N, C-alpha and C. Protein backbone atom coordinates (compact mmCIF):
# COMPACT_ATOMS: atom_id res chain seq x y z
N MET A 1 -196.78 -25.00 69.50
CA MET A 1 -198.41 -24.98 69.63
C MET A 1 -198.96 -25.57 68.21
N LEU A 2 -199.81 -26.51 68.10
CA LEU A 2 -200.51 -26.78 67.03
C LEU A 2 -201.42 -25.64 66.23
N ARG A 3 -201.28 -25.89 64.91
CA ARG A 3 -202.13 -24.77 64.36
C ARG A 3 -203.14 -25.61 63.28
N LEU A 4 -204.11 -24.77 63.02
CA LEU A 4 -204.98 -25.30 61.90
C LEU A 4 -204.61 -24.96 60.55
N PRO A 5 -204.35 -25.84 59.50
CA PRO A 5 -204.10 -25.51 58.20
C PRO A 5 -205.18 -24.52 57.61
N PHE A 6 -204.83 -23.78 56.76
CA PHE A 6 -205.85 -22.87 56.15
C PHE A 6 -206.61 -23.65 55.03
N PHE A 7 -207.89 -23.90 55.09
CA PHE A 7 -208.71 -24.44 54.26
C PHE A 7 -209.58 -23.37 53.29
N SER A 8 -209.38 -23.39 52.23
CA SER A 8 -210.22 -22.35 51.20
C SER A 8 -211.53 -22.67 51.07
N ARG A 9 -212.75 -22.17 51.35
CA ARG A 9 -214.02 -22.59 51.43
C ARG A 9 -214.69 -21.60 50.66
N ARG A 10 -215.63 -22.02 49.66
CA ARG A 10 -216.62 -21.05 49.06
C ARG A 10 -217.85 -20.85 49.69
N GLY A 11 -218.34 -19.91 50.47
CA GLY A 11 -219.68 -19.78 51.04
C GLY A 11 -219.34 -20.53 52.44
N PRO A 12 -220.61 -20.33 53.16
CA PRO A 12 -220.56 -20.79 54.57
C PRO A 12 -220.66 -22.63 54.43
N SER A 13 -220.20 -22.94 55.62
CA SER A 13 -220.12 -24.39 55.74
C SER A 13 -220.96 -25.00 56.56
N ALA A 14 -221.56 -26.07 56.29
CA ALA A 14 -222.52 -26.79 57.15
C ALA A 14 -221.94 -27.73 58.08
N GLU A 15 -220.63 -27.92 57.94
CA GLU A 15 -220.19 -28.74 59.02
C GLU A 15 -219.72 -28.25 60.43
N PRO A 16 -219.80 -28.80 61.42
CA PRO A 16 -219.76 -28.33 62.73
C PRO A 16 -218.38 -27.79 62.86
N SER A 17 -218.33 -26.80 63.61
CA SER A 17 -217.18 -25.96 63.87
C SER A 17 -216.03 -26.82 64.53
N VAL A 18 -214.83 -26.70 64.02
CA VAL A 18 -213.74 -27.47 64.52
C VAL A 18 -212.93 -26.35 65.60
N PRO A 19 -212.51 -26.82 66.81
CA PRO A 19 -212.02 -25.84 67.62
C PRO A 19 -210.78 -25.22 66.95
N ARG A 20 -210.53 -24.06 67.13
CA ARG A 20 -209.62 -23.30 66.47
C ARG A 20 -208.08 -23.37 66.85
N PHE A 21 -207.85 -23.63 67.93
CA PHE A 21 -206.78 -24.05 68.49
C PHE A 21 -206.85 -25.17 69.63
N LEU A 22 -205.72 -26.05 69.29
CA LEU A 22 -205.64 -27.11 70.09
C LEU A 22 -204.57 -26.96 71.21
N ALA A 23 -204.93 -27.61 72.48
CA ALA A 23 -203.96 -27.40 73.33
C ALA A 23 -202.68 -28.02 73.24
N GLU A 24 -201.57 -27.15 73.60
CA GLU A 24 -200.19 -27.79 73.48
C GLU A 24 -200.09 -29.00 74.26
N GLU A 25 -199.27 -29.95 73.83
CA GLU A 25 -199.23 -31.18 74.61
C GLU A 25 -198.08 -30.94 75.65
N PRO A 26 -198.17 -31.45 76.74
CA PRO A 26 -197.07 -31.56 77.95
C PRO A 26 -195.76 -32.35 77.32
N GLU A 27 -194.89 -31.91 77.77
CA GLU A 27 -193.47 -32.62 77.30
C GLU A 27 -193.52 -34.22 77.45
N LEU A 28 -194.18 -34.68 78.37
CA LEU A 28 -194.29 -36.17 78.67
C LEU A 28 -195.21 -36.80 77.63
N LEU A 29 -195.92 -36.09 76.83
CA LEU A 29 -196.70 -36.59 75.71
C LEU A 29 -196.02 -36.48 74.38
N LYS A 30 -194.92 -36.28 74.22
CA LYS A 30 -194.22 -36.15 73.08
C LYS A 30 -193.96 -37.39 72.38
N ALA A 31 -193.97 -37.75 71.21
CA ALA A 31 -193.53 -38.93 70.38
C ALA A 31 -192.01 -38.99 70.44
N GLU A 32 -191.76 -40.03 71.21
CA GLU A 32 -190.09 -40.34 71.05
C GLU A 32 -189.78 -41.57 70.33
N PRO A 33 -188.93 -41.28 69.30
CA PRO A 33 -188.39 -42.26 68.37
C PRO A 33 -187.61 -43.56 69.48
N MET A 34 -187.92 -44.64 68.92
CA MET A 34 -187.44 -45.93 69.78
C MET A 34 -187.44 -47.11 68.74
N GLY A 35 -186.20 -47.39 68.37
CA GLY A 35 -186.02 -48.69 67.56
C GLY A 35 -186.41 -48.21 66.15
N ASN A 36 -187.34 -49.10 65.72
CA ASN A 36 -188.33 -48.85 64.44
C ASN A 36 -189.38 -48.16 64.54
N GLY A 37 -189.78 -47.33 65.73
CA GLY A 37 -191.13 -46.81 65.76
C GLY A 37 -191.04 -45.67 66.81
N TYR A 38 -192.04 -45.62 67.37
CA TYR A 38 -192.26 -44.13 68.32
C TYR A 38 -192.94 -44.73 69.67
N VAL A 39 -192.54 -44.30 70.78
CA VAL A 39 -193.29 -44.40 71.85
C VAL A 39 -194.12 -43.16 72.23
N TYR A 40 -195.51 -43.37 72.59
CA TYR A 40 -196.35 -42.07 72.91
C TYR A 40 -197.30 -42.68 73.74
N ASP A 41 -197.51 -41.85 74.77
CA ASP A 41 -198.32 -42.17 75.92
C ASP A 41 -198.32 -43.41 76.39
N ASP A 42 -197.07 -44.10 76.57
CA ASP A 42 -196.46 -45.29 76.90
C ASP A 42 -197.24 -46.39 76.03
N ARG A 43 -197.32 -46.20 74.73
CA ARG A 43 -197.52 -47.18 73.81
C ARG A 43 -196.68 -47.19 72.62
N PHE A 44 -196.54 -48.18 72.09
CA PHE A 44 -195.35 -48.41 70.77
C PHE A 44 -196.14 -48.30 69.49
N PHE A 45 -195.80 -47.38 68.62
CA PHE A 45 -196.19 -47.35 67.32
C PHE A 45 -195.12 -47.57 66.30
N TYR A 46 -195.50 -47.96 65.01
CA TYR A 46 -194.75 -48.26 64.14
C TYR A 46 -194.28 -47.21 63.18
N SER A 47 -194.86 -46.11 63.22
CA SER A 47 -194.82 -44.88 62.48
C SER A 47 -195.35 -43.68 63.09
N TYR A 48 -194.82 -42.63 62.64
CA TYR A 48 -195.29 -41.18 63.26
C TYR A 48 -196.96 -41.04 62.94
N GLN A 49 -197.04 -41.49 61.56
CA GLN A 49 -198.38 -41.34 61.19
C GLN A 49 -199.24 -42.10 62.05
N GLU A 50 -199.02 -43.23 62.69
CA GLU A 50 -199.96 -43.97 63.60
C GLU A 50 -200.06 -43.22 64.77
N VAL A 51 -198.95 -42.53 65.35
CA VAL A 51 -199.01 -41.59 66.38
C VAL A 51 -200.37 -40.57 66.35
N GLN A 52 -200.16 -39.95 65.12
CA GLN A 52 -201.14 -39.05 64.65
C GLN A 52 -202.59 -39.52 64.75
N CYS A 53 -202.69 -40.63 64.33
CA CYS A 53 -204.06 -41.37 64.19
C CYS A 53 -204.62 -41.35 65.64
N TYR A 54 -203.49 -41.90 66.35
CA TYR A 54 -203.97 -42.16 67.94
C TYR A 54 -204.18 -40.97 68.62
N ARG A 55 -203.41 -39.86 68.32
CA ARG A 55 -203.70 -38.38 68.97
C ARG A 55 -205.07 -38.12 68.38
N TYR A 56 -205.51 -38.29 67.06
CA TYR A 56 -206.79 -37.84 66.69
C TYR A 56 -207.95 -38.51 67.23
N LEU A 57 -207.76 -39.85 67.56
CA LEU A 57 -209.01 -40.79 68.32
C LEU A 57 -208.98 -40.14 69.68
N LYS A 58 -208.01 -39.86 70.40
CA LYS A 58 -207.91 -39.21 71.93
C LYS A 58 -208.45 -37.90 71.70
N HIS A 59 -208.42 -37.05 70.65
CA HIS A 59 -208.89 -35.91 70.66
C HIS A 59 -210.42 -35.98 70.39
N LEU A 60 -210.69 -36.84 69.68
CA LEU A 60 -212.14 -37.16 69.72
C LEU A 60 -213.08 -37.61 70.93
N GLY A 61 -212.14 -37.86 72.08
CA GLY A 61 -212.58 -38.22 73.35
C GLY A 61 -212.70 -39.68 73.46
N ILE A 62 -212.11 -40.32 72.71
CA ILE A 62 -212.06 -41.92 72.88
C ILE A 62 -210.91 -42.14 73.96
N PRO A 63 -211.36 -42.91 74.93
CA PRO A 63 -210.29 -43.27 75.97
C PRO A 63 -209.14 -44.15 75.46
N PRO A 64 -207.87 -43.87 76.05
CA PRO A 64 -206.84 -44.66 75.39
C PRO A 64 -207.20 -46.25 75.47
N GLY A 65 -207.69 -46.67 76.55
CA GLY A 65 -207.93 -48.23 76.64
C GLY A 65 -209.01 -48.51 75.70
N LYS A 66 -209.74 -47.63 74.92
CA LYS A 66 -210.62 -48.05 73.90
C LYS A 66 -210.54 -47.85 72.62
N VAL A 67 -209.06 -47.45 72.25
CA VAL A 67 -208.59 -47.04 70.98
C VAL A 67 -208.30 -48.50 70.24
N HIS A 68 -207.97 -49.47 71.09
CA HIS A 68 -207.81 -50.93 70.50
C HIS A 68 -206.58 -50.91 69.40
N HIS A 69 -205.41 -50.20 69.70
CA HIS A 69 -204.36 -50.33 68.77
C HIS A 69 -203.80 -51.88 68.40
N GLU A 70 -203.41 -51.93 67.21
CA GLU A 70 -202.81 -53.23 66.75
C GLU A 70 -203.86 -54.46 67.09
N TYR A 71 -205.08 -54.39 66.86
CA TYR A 71 -206.14 -55.22 67.15
C TYR A 71 -206.17 -56.50 66.37
N ARG A 72 -205.99 -57.61 66.96
CA ARG A 72 -205.83 -58.83 66.31
C ARG A 72 -207.10 -59.34 65.73
N VAL A 73 -207.02 -59.94 64.58
CA VAL A 73 -208.27 -60.57 64.00
C VAL A 73 -207.60 -61.78 63.09
N GLY A 74 -207.91 -63.00 63.67
CA GLY A 74 -207.33 -64.22 63.16
C GLY A 74 -205.69 -63.89 63.16
N ASP A 75 -205.11 -64.23 62.34
CA ASP A 75 -203.48 -64.22 62.18
C ASP A 75 -203.16 -62.64 61.79
N SER A 76 -203.98 -61.90 61.58
CA SER A 76 -203.67 -60.50 61.11
C SER A 76 -203.98 -59.43 62.37
N HIS A 77 -203.34 -58.34 62.16
CA HIS A 77 -203.40 -57.09 63.01
C HIS A 77 -203.97 -56.02 62.33
N PHE A 78 -205.05 -55.44 63.00
CA PHE A 78 -205.54 -54.00 62.13
C PHE A 78 -205.06 -52.87 62.95
N ASP A 79 -204.91 -51.68 62.50
CA ASP A 79 -204.26 -50.59 63.05
C ASP A 79 -204.79 -50.07 64.39
N PHE A 80 -206.14 -49.71 64.20
CA PHE A 80 -207.08 -49.33 65.21
C PHE A 80 -208.54 -49.78 65.07
N PHE A 81 -209.16 -50.09 66.07
CA PHE A 81 -210.54 -50.46 66.32
C PHE A 81 -211.44 -49.69 67.22
N PRO A 82 -211.11 -48.34 67.12
CA PRO A 82 -211.83 -47.55 68.38
C PRO A 82 -213.32 -47.98 68.62
N LEU A 83 -213.24 -48.03 69.92
CA LEU A 83 -214.67 -48.39 70.65
C LEU A 83 -215.36 -49.66 70.06
N LYS A 84 -214.48 -50.38 69.16
CA LYS A 84 -215.03 -51.62 68.65
C LYS A 84 -216.28 -51.31 67.70
N ARG A 85 -216.02 -50.18 67.00
CA ARG A 85 -217.26 -49.89 66.09
C ARG A 85 -216.76 -49.67 64.39
N VAL A 86 -215.37 -49.35 64.49
CA VAL A 86 -215.18 -49.11 63.17
C VAL A 86 -213.46 -49.58 62.93
N PHE A 87 -213.08 -50.34 62.16
CA PHE A 87 -211.62 -50.73 61.78
C PHE A 87 -211.05 -49.60 61.03
N TRP A 88 -209.83 -49.36 61.53
CA TRP A 88 -209.33 -48.38 60.49
C TRP A 88 -207.74 -48.89 60.33
N GLU A 89 -207.25 -48.89 58.93
CA GLU A 89 -206.11 -49.19 58.45
C GLU A 89 -205.47 -47.96 58.05
N HIS A 90 -204.51 -47.43 58.41
CA HIS A 90 -203.77 -46.20 57.78
C HIS A 90 -202.23 -46.66 57.29
N HIS A 91 -202.00 -46.63 55.96
CA HIS A 91 -200.88 -46.99 55.38
C HIS A 91 -200.57 -46.19 53.97
N PRO A 92 -200.03 -45.01 54.63
CA PRO A 92 -199.59 -43.90 53.43
C PRO A 92 -198.33 -44.50 52.57
N ILE A 93 -197.50 -45.46 53.07
CA ILE A 93 -196.46 -45.73 52.72
C ILE A 93 -197.06 -46.67 51.24
N ASN A 94 -198.10 -47.30 51.47
CA ASN A 94 -198.47 -48.25 50.31
C ASN A 94 -198.51 -47.34 48.93
N LEU A 95 -198.81 -46.05 49.10
CA LEU A 95 -198.86 -45.27 47.93
C LEU A 95 -197.55 -44.93 47.34
N ARG A 96 -196.65 -44.83 48.36
CA ARG A 96 -194.98 -44.63 48.19
C ARG A 96 -194.37 -46.02 47.37
N LEU A 97 -194.75 -47.11 47.83
CA LEU A 97 -194.29 -48.27 47.31
C LEU A 97 -194.99 -48.76 46.01
N GLY A 98 -195.90 -47.82 45.65
CA GLY A 98 -196.88 -48.47 44.15
C GLY A 98 -197.86 -49.47 44.72
N HIS A 99 -198.13 -49.70 45.82
CA HIS A 99 -199.30 -50.66 46.04
C HIS A 99 -200.60 -50.19 45.94
N ASP A 100 -201.39 -50.89 45.52
CA ASP A 100 -202.95 -50.42 45.16
C ASP A 100 -203.81 -50.42 46.55
N ILE A 101 -204.06 -49.42 46.98
CA ILE A 101 -204.75 -49.16 48.10
C ILE A 101 -206.41 -49.77 48.09
N TYR A 102 -206.85 -49.96 46.82
CA TYR A 102 -208.16 -50.64 46.76
C TYR A 102 -208.02 -52.24 46.93
N ARG A 103 -206.79 -52.89 46.24
CA ARG A 103 -206.55 -54.04 46.52
C ARG A 103 -206.34 -54.45 47.84
N TYR A 104 -205.62 -53.62 48.66
CA TYR A 104 -205.32 -53.79 50.06
C TYR A 104 -206.51 -53.60 50.80
N GLY A 105 -207.41 -52.87 50.57
CA GLY A 105 -208.65 -52.57 51.29
C GLY A 105 -209.50 -53.74 51.18
N LYS A 106 -209.71 -54.39 49.86
CA LYS A 106 -210.44 -55.68 49.71
C LYS A 106 -209.71 -56.85 50.47
N THR A 107 -208.67 -56.92 50.36
CA THR A 107 -208.00 -57.90 51.06
C THR A 107 -208.14 -57.75 52.56
N ARG A 108 -208.17 -56.93 53.27
CA ARG A 108 -208.50 -56.62 54.64
C ARG A 108 -209.89 -56.66 55.16
N ARG A 109 -210.72 -56.27 54.22
CA ARG A 109 -212.16 -56.54 54.18
C ARG A 109 -212.43 -57.91 54.25
N ALA A 110 -211.90 -58.84 53.39
CA ALA A 110 -212.02 -60.13 53.41
C ALA A 110 -211.58 -60.89 54.55
N ILE A 111 -210.61 -60.41 55.16
CA ILE A 111 -210.04 -61.07 56.41
C ILE A 111 -211.08 -60.90 57.78
N LEU A 112 -211.70 -59.48 57.85
CA LEU A 112 -212.79 -59.35 58.63
C LEU A 112 -213.78 -60.09 58.21
N ASP A 113 -214.43 -60.18 57.03
CA ASP A 113 -215.67 -60.98 56.74
C ASP A 113 -215.46 -62.48 57.11
N ASP A 114 -214.31 -62.98 56.89
CA ASP A 114 -213.82 -64.32 57.21
C ASP A 114 -213.78 -64.60 58.75
N ASN A 115 -213.75 -63.68 59.31
CA ASN A 115 -213.66 -63.72 61.10
C ASN A 115 -214.75 -63.38 61.68
N GLY A 116 -215.94 -62.84 61.00
CA GLY A 116 -217.19 -62.64 61.64
C GLY A 116 -217.27 -61.20 61.86
N TYR A 117 -216.61 -60.27 61.26
CA TYR A 117 -216.57 -58.95 61.40
C TYR A 117 -217.43 -58.18 60.27
N ASP A 118 -218.17 -59.23 59.64
CA ASP A 118 -218.93 -58.55 58.21
C ASP A 118 -219.67 -57.28 58.56
N HIS A 119 -220.06 -57.15 59.64
CA HIS A 119 -221.28 -56.03 60.00
C HIS A 119 -220.37 -54.70 60.49
N ILE A 120 -218.94 -54.69 60.46
CA ILE A 120 -218.13 -53.71 61.20
C ILE A 120 -217.57 -53.07 59.92
N PRO A 121 -217.55 -51.79 59.82
CA PRO A 121 -217.05 -50.86 58.68
C PRO A 121 -215.50 -50.80 58.78
N LEU A 122 -214.87 -50.70 57.63
CA LEU A 122 -213.51 -50.59 57.58
C LEU A 122 -213.16 -49.26 56.70
N VAL A 123 -212.21 -48.58 57.44
CA VAL A 123 -211.80 -47.56 56.78
C VAL A 123 -210.26 -47.51 56.52
N VAL A 124 -209.94 -47.41 55.28
CA VAL A 124 -208.53 -47.45 54.74
C VAL A 124 -208.14 -46.15 54.22
N SER A 125 -206.92 -45.79 54.94
CA SER A 125 -206.38 -44.22 54.69
C SER A 125 -205.04 -44.44 54.20
N ASP A 126 -204.57 -43.53 53.04
CA ASP A 126 -203.19 -43.43 52.63
C ASP A 126 -202.82 -41.99 52.61
N VAL A 127 -203.60 -41.31 53.53
CA VAL A 127 -202.93 -39.79 53.42
C VAL A 127 -201.87 -39.57 54.43
N MET A 128 -200.80 -38.86 53.85
CA MET A 128 -199.80 -38.34 54.89
C MET A 128 -200.24 -37.21 55.64
N PHE A 129 -200.89 -37.25 56.93
CA PHE A 129 -201.48 -36.51 57.66
C PHE A 129 -200.32 -35.38 58.53
N GLU A 130 -200.33 -34.19 58.29
CA GLU A 130 -199.64 -33.39 58.96
C GLU A 130 -199.80 -33.20 60.61
N ASP A 131 -201.07 -33.11 61.04
CA ASP A 131 -201.50 -33.04 62.20
C ASP A 131 -202.98 -33.60 62.28
N ILE A 132 -203.42 -33.37 63.56
CA ILE A 132 -204.88 -34.02 63.81
C ILE A 132 -205.97 -33.22 63.15
N THR A 133 -205.70 -31.92 62.93
CA THR A 133 -206.86 -31.22 62.16
C THR A 133 -206.81 -31.75 60.66
N ASP A 134 -205.69 -32.23 60.13
CA ASP A 134 -205.86 -32.87 58.60
C ASP A 134 -206.53 -33.95 58.77
N ILE A 135 -206.41 -35.00 59.85
CA ILE A 135 -207.25 -36.15 59.81
C ILE A 135 -208.76 -35.84 60.04
N TYR A 136 -208.98 -34.56 60.97
CA TYR A 136 -210.29 -34.24 61.13
C TYR A 136 -211.02 -34.01 59.88
N LYS A 137 -210.31 -33.20 59.05
CA LYS A 137 -210.92 -32.75 57.75
C LYS A 137 -211.17 -33.80 56.87
N ALA A 138 -210.17 -34.77 56.75
CA ALA A 138 -210.30 -35.91 55.89
C ALA A 138 -211.41 -36.80 56.30
N MET A 139 -211.48 -37.10 57.53
CA MET A 139 -212.60 -37.82 57.84
C MET A 139 -213.98 -37.36 58.12
N SER A 140 -214.04 -35.99 58.21
CA SER A 140 -215.34 -35.09 58.07
C SER A 140 -215.62 -35.30 56.69
N ASP A 141 -214.90 -35.02 55.75
CA ASP A 141 -215.02 -35.00 54.25
C ASP A 141 -215.66 -36.42 53.79
N ASN A 142 -215.01 -37.60 54.45
CA ASN A 142 -215.48 -38.68 54.01
C ASN A 142 -216.66 -39.33 54.95
N SER A 143 -217.26 -38.57 55.81
CA SER A 143 -218.38 -38.90 56.56
C SER A 143 -218.07 -40.10 57.41
N VAL A 144 -216.94 -39.89 58.30
CA VAL A 144 -216.34 -41.21 59.14
C VAL A 144 -216.47 -40.59 60.42
N ASP A 145 -217.37 -41.24 61.40
CA ASP A 145 -217.26 -40.99 62.70
C ASP A 145 -217.13 -42.20 63.58
N PHE A 146 -215.83 -42.20 64.06
CA PHE A 146 -215.54 -43.24 64.96
C PHE A 146 -216.20 -43.14 66.26
N ARG A 147 -216.73 -42.20 66.70
CA ARG A 147 -217.35 -42.32 68.06
C ARG A 147 -218.87 -43.14 67.88
N SER A 148 -219.56 -42.96 66.78
CA SER A 148 -220.91 -43.46 66.67
C SER A 148 -220.66 -44.94 65.98
N GLY A 149 -219.75 -44.97 65.09
CA GLY A 149 -219.45 -46.04 64.05
C GLY A 149 -220.18 -45.94 63.08
N GLN A 150 -220.46 -44.69 62.60
CA GLN A 150 -221.15 -44.38 61.35
C GLN A 150 -220.18 -43.97 60.22
N VAL A 151 -220.28 -44.57 59.11
CA VAL A 151 -219.48 -44.20 58.05
C VAL A 151 -220.34 -44.10 56.64
N GLN A 152 -219.72 -43.29 55.75
CA GLN A 152 -220.24 -43.23 54.44
C GLN A 152 -220.72 -44.60 53.62
N GLY A 153 -222.24 -44.83 53.38
CA GLY A 153 -222.40 -45.94 52.86
C GLY A 153 -222.81 -47.10 53.80
N GLY A 154 -222.80 -47.02 55.06
CA GLY A 154 -223.20 -47.85 56.20
C GLY A 154 -221.93 -48.71 56.35
N ARG A 155 -221.92 -50.06 55.80
CA ARG A 155 -220.82 -50.84 55.99
C ARG A 155 -219.88 -51.11 54.82
N GLY A 156 -218.94 -51.84 54.83
CA GLY A 156 -218.03 -52.28 53.84
C GLY A 156 -216.64 -51.32 53.85
N ILE A 157 -216.31 -50.56 52.93
CA ILE A 157 -215.03 -50.16 53.09
C ILE A 157 -215.17 -48.60 52.54
N VAL A 158 -214.57 -47.88 53.30
CA VAL A 158 -214.40 -46.37 53.12
C VAL A 158 -212.81 -46.11 52.92
N TYR A 159 -212.71 -45.54 51.77
CA TYR A 159 -211.27 -44.96 51.40
C TYR A 159 -210.90 -43.68 51.51
N VAL A 160 -210.02 -43.39 52.26
CA VAL A 160 -209.95 -42.05 52.61
C VAL A 160 -208.43 -41.60 52.02
N LYS A 161 -208.36 -41.11 50.94
CA LYS A 161 -207.26 -40.79 50.05
C LYS A 161 -207.15 -39.43 49.77
N SER A 162 -205.84 -39.09 49.35
CA SER A 162 -205.47 -37.83 48.74
C SER A 162 -205.51 -38.06 47.06
N TYR A 163 -206.35 -37.23 46.61
CA TYR A 163 -206.48 -37.31 45.14
C TYR A 163 -205.56 -36.42 44.51
N GLU A 164 -204.66 -35.66 45.24
CA GLU A 164 -203.86 -34.30 44.68
C GLU A 164 -203.01 -34.94 43.52
N ASP A 165 -202.13 -35.90 43.79
CA ASP A 165 -201.19 -36.46 42.90
C ASP A 165 -202.15 -36.93 41.57
N GLU A 166 -203.04 -37.61 41.66
CA GLU A 166 -204.02 -38.19 40.40
C GLU A 166 -204.57 -37.13 39.65
N TRP A 167 -204.95 -36.02 40.40
CA TRP A 167 -205.35 -34.82 39.77
C TRP A 167 -204.27 -34.06 39.08
N ARG A 168 -203.13 -33.77 39.46
CA ARG A 168 -202.07 -33.12 39.07
C ARG A 168 -201.61 -33.80 37.80
N GLU A 169 -201.54 -35.14 37.82
CA GLU A 169 -201.34 -36.10 36.66
C GLU A 169 -202.26 -35.87 35.43
N ALA A 170 -203.46 -36.11 35.93
CA ALA A 170 -204.60 -35.86 34.90
C ALA A 170 -204.52 -34.43 34.25
N ALA A 171 -204.42 -33.41 34.92
CA ALA A 171 -204.41 -31.96 34.61
C ALA A 171 -203.24 -31.97 33.57
N PHE A 172 -202.17 -32.45 33.96
CA PHE A 172 -200.88 -32.49 33.10
C PHE A 172 -201.16 -33.18 31.69
N ASN A 173 -201.74 -34.27 31.76
CA ASN A 173 -201.96 -35.00 30.40
C ASN A 173 -203.12 -34.20 29.72
N VAL A 174 -204.06 -33.49 30.13
CA VAL A 174 -204.89 -32.57 29.36
C VAL A 174 -204.04 -31.68 28.94
N LEU A 175 -203.28 -30.83 29.68
CA LEU A 175 -202.32 -29.69 29.27
C LEU A 175 -201.61 -30.25 27.94
N CYS A 176 -201.02 -31.38 28.15
CA CYS A 176 -199.92 -31.98 27.05
C CYS A 176 -200.84 -32.19 25.82
N GLU A 177 -202.09 -32.93 25.93
CA GLU A 177 -202.96 -33.05 24.77
C GLU A 177 -203.29 -31.65 24.15
N THR A 178 -203.70 -30.65 24.81
CA THR A 178 -203.92 -29.56 24.30
C THR A 178 -202.99 -28.77 23.33
N LEU A 179 -201.67 -28.88 24.04
CA LEU A 179 -200.55 -28.22 23.44
C LEU A 179 -200.19 -29.06 22.21
N ALA A 180 -200.41 -30.42 22.30
CA ALA A 180 -200.18 -31.19 21.09
C ALA A 180 -201.08 -30.88 19.91
N SER A 181 -202.19 -30.87 20.19
CA SER A 181 -203.29 -30.72 19.16
C SER A 181 -203.29 -29.13 18.61
N SER A 182 -202.50 -28.30 19.16
CA SER A 182 -202.67 -26.89 18.56
C SER A 182 -201.73 -26.83 17.51
């Protein structure tokens, strides 16, 4: 059974309530490794993270035929284009390879703009999601609504990323400077 991770919050939340338990998936809907990817719901995904994203979109009530996985724009493919309202690129491996998510997002935004999609928002995420509740929290925190097509700031690029490593490094540097100046 899927479970929600513990989120510590101070005070009451103004966010809509998240279902406390998600229904366990039938055996037929388990992600099966195949070659260099996974098969889930009779669709091929390049990574288990893409499977998690797809599961999240289905959880939102977006029908599988409206998820538009690997949507072609010019010579490029975009991971998801749910309901044809928001493009979503999910590449947590970029962070591990040392690639710059911001440069990647600008490149993908330029492809969309050059192909007539300048009015459609782009979400670029590099978070390693454990399950769909992690995705729900990250998207909610960044005001991304795939059903309505509404994103923080209107159109352009919304970056959904984990700042944990950056904060840890900054805190370590401050600690080192403090100890060195003592």
